[in-house]
Amino acid sequence: MGANNDGTGNRAQILEYLYSILGPLRDMAKSADSQMLAYLLDMALIEAGESVHGPRRPKPLK
């Protein structure tokens, strides 16, 4: 997906925007007791975050 002529911006800007709104949407789904929707939004949040910021590093085991 490249830059669009309709002013929506480039891929990085779109992914950053999605990342910024997915967390609150996930929280709304949790507060509505919609566990599956909250899970799917959480997966989308992780995917958007990794697309923008790179893969998450696993925490070392203690």
C-alpha atoms as a PDB file:
ATOM      1  CA  MET A   1       0.000   0.000   0.000  1.00  0.00           C
ATOM      2  CA  GLY A   2       1.574   3.238  -1.104  1.00  0.00           C
ATOM      3  CA  ALA A   3       0.667   6.859  -0.623  1.00  0.00           C
ATOM      4  CA  ASN A   4      -2.894   7.623  -1.649  1.00  0.00           C
ATOM      5  CA  ASN A   5      -4.154  10.530  -3.704  1.00  0.00           C
ATOM      6  CA  ASP A   6      -7.065  11.080  -1.309  1.00  0.00           C
ATOM      7  CA  GLY A   7      -4.880  12.588   1.432  1.00  0.00           C
ATOM      8  CA  THR A   8      -4.837   9.606   3.779  1.00  0.00           C
ATOM      9  CA  GLY A   9      -1.043   9.661   3.979  1.00  0.00           C
ATOM     10  CA  ASN A  10       1.593   7.028   3.653  1.00  0.00           C
ATOM     11  CA  ARG A  11       1.716   3.493   5.007  1.00  0.00           C
ATOM     12  CA  ALA A  12       3.668   4.391   8.155  1.00  0.00           C
ATOM     13  CA  GLN A  13       1.235   7.175   9.060  1.00  0.00           C
ATOM     14  CA  ILE A  14      -1.755   4.910   8.532  1.00  0.00           C
ATOM     15  CA  LEU A  15      -0.261   2.133  10.651  1.00  0.00           C
ATOM     16  CA  GLU A  16       0.689   4.597  13.394  1.00  0.00           C
ATOM     17  CA  TYR A  17      -2.881   5.921  13.440  1.00  0.00           C
ATOM     18  CA  LEU A  18      -4.316   2.400  13.600  1.00  0.00           C
ATOM     19  CA  TYR A  19      -1.913   1.572  16.417  1.00  0.00           C
ATOM     20  CA  SER A  20      -3.074   4.639  18.341  1.00  0.00           C
ATOM     21  CA  ILE A  21      -6.777   3.744  18.151  1.00  0.00           C
ATOM     22  CA  LEU A  22      -6.658  -0.041  18.559  1.00  0.00           C
ATOM     23  CA  GLY A  23      -5.749   0.095  22.262  1.00  0.00           C
ATOM     24  CA  PRO A  24      -8.813   2.155  23.244  1.00  0.00           C
ATOM     25  CA  LEU A  25     -11.030  -0.007  21.033  1.00  0.00           C
ATOM     26  CA  ARG A  26      -9.705  -3.139  22.736  1.00  0.00           C
ATOM     27  CA  ASP A  27     -10.408  -1.570  26.132  1.00  0.00           C
ATOM     28  CA  MET A  28     -13.965  -0.747  25.051  1.00  0.00           C
ATOM     29  CA  ALA A  29     -14.511  -4.339  23.960  1.00  0.00           C
ATOM     30  CA  LYS A  30     -13.191  -5.574  27.324  1.00  0.00           C
ATOM     31  CA  SER A  31     -15.509  -3.223  29.217  1.00  0.00           C
ATOM     32  CA  ALA A  32     -18.434  -4.573  27.169  1.00  0.00           C
ATOM     33  CA  ASP A  33     -17.379  -8.099  28.185  1.00  0.00           C
ATOM     34  CA  SER A  34     -16.697  -9.051  24.569  1.00  0.00           C
ATOM     35  CA  GLN A  35     -13.662 -11.252  25.110  1.00  0.00           C
ATOM     36  CA  MET A  36     -13.306 -12.508  21.522  1.00  0.00           C
ATOM     37  CA  LEU A  37     -13.499  -9.007  20.074  1.00  0.00           C
ATOM     38  CA  ALA A  38     -11.016  -7.758  22.679  1.00  0.00           C
ATOM     39  CA  TYR A  39      -8.655 -10.612  21.768  1.00  0.00           C
ATOM     40  CA  LEU A  40      -8.883  -9.879  18.037  1.00  0.00           C
ATOM     41  CA  LEU A  41      -8.298  -6.162  18.597  1.00  0.00           C
ATOM     42  CA  ASP A  42      -5.308  -7.036  20.795  1.00  0.00           C
ATOM     43  CA  MET A  43      -3.859  -9.172  17.986  1.00  0.00           C
ATOM     44  CA  ALA A  44      -4.404  -6.284  15.551  1.00  0.00           C
ATOM     45  CA  LEU A  45      -2.731  -3.921  18.030  1.00  0.00           C
ATOM     46  CA  ILE A  46       0.321  -6.181  18.255  1.00  0.00           C
ATOM     47  CA  GLU A  47       0.497  -6.519  14.461  1.00  0.00           C
ATOM     48  CA  ALA A  48       0.222  -2.761  13.920  1.00  0.00           C
ATOM     49  CA  GLY A  49       2.820  -2.114  16.616  1.00  0.00           C
ATOM     50  CA  GLU A  50       5.276  -4.548  15.073  1.00  0.00           C
ATOM     51  CA  SER A  51       4.676  -3.036  11.639  1.00  0.00           C
ATOM     52  CA  VAL A  52       5.487   0.425  12.975  1.00  0.00           C
ATOM     53  CA  HIS A  53       8.094  -0.268  15.669  1.00  0.00           C
ATOM     54  CA  GLY A  54       9.547  -3.641  14.660  1.00  0.00           C
ATOM     55  CA  PRO A  55       9.120  -7.022  16.350  1.00  0.00           C
ATOM     56  CA  ARG A  56       8.803  -7.173  20.100  1.00  0.00           C
ATOM     57  CA  ARG A  57      11.724  -8.758  21.899  1.00  0.00           C
ATOM     58  CA  PRO A  58      10.849 -11.580  24.272  1.00  0.00           C
ATOM     59  CA  LYS A  59      11.479 -10.839  27.917  1.00  0.00           C
ATOM     60  CA  PRO A  60      14.303 -12.911  29.415  1.00  0.00           C
ATOM     61  CA  LEU A  61      13.260 -15.763  31.681  1.00  0.00           C
ATOM     62  CA  LYS A  62      14.160 -15.354  35.338  1.00  0.00           C
END
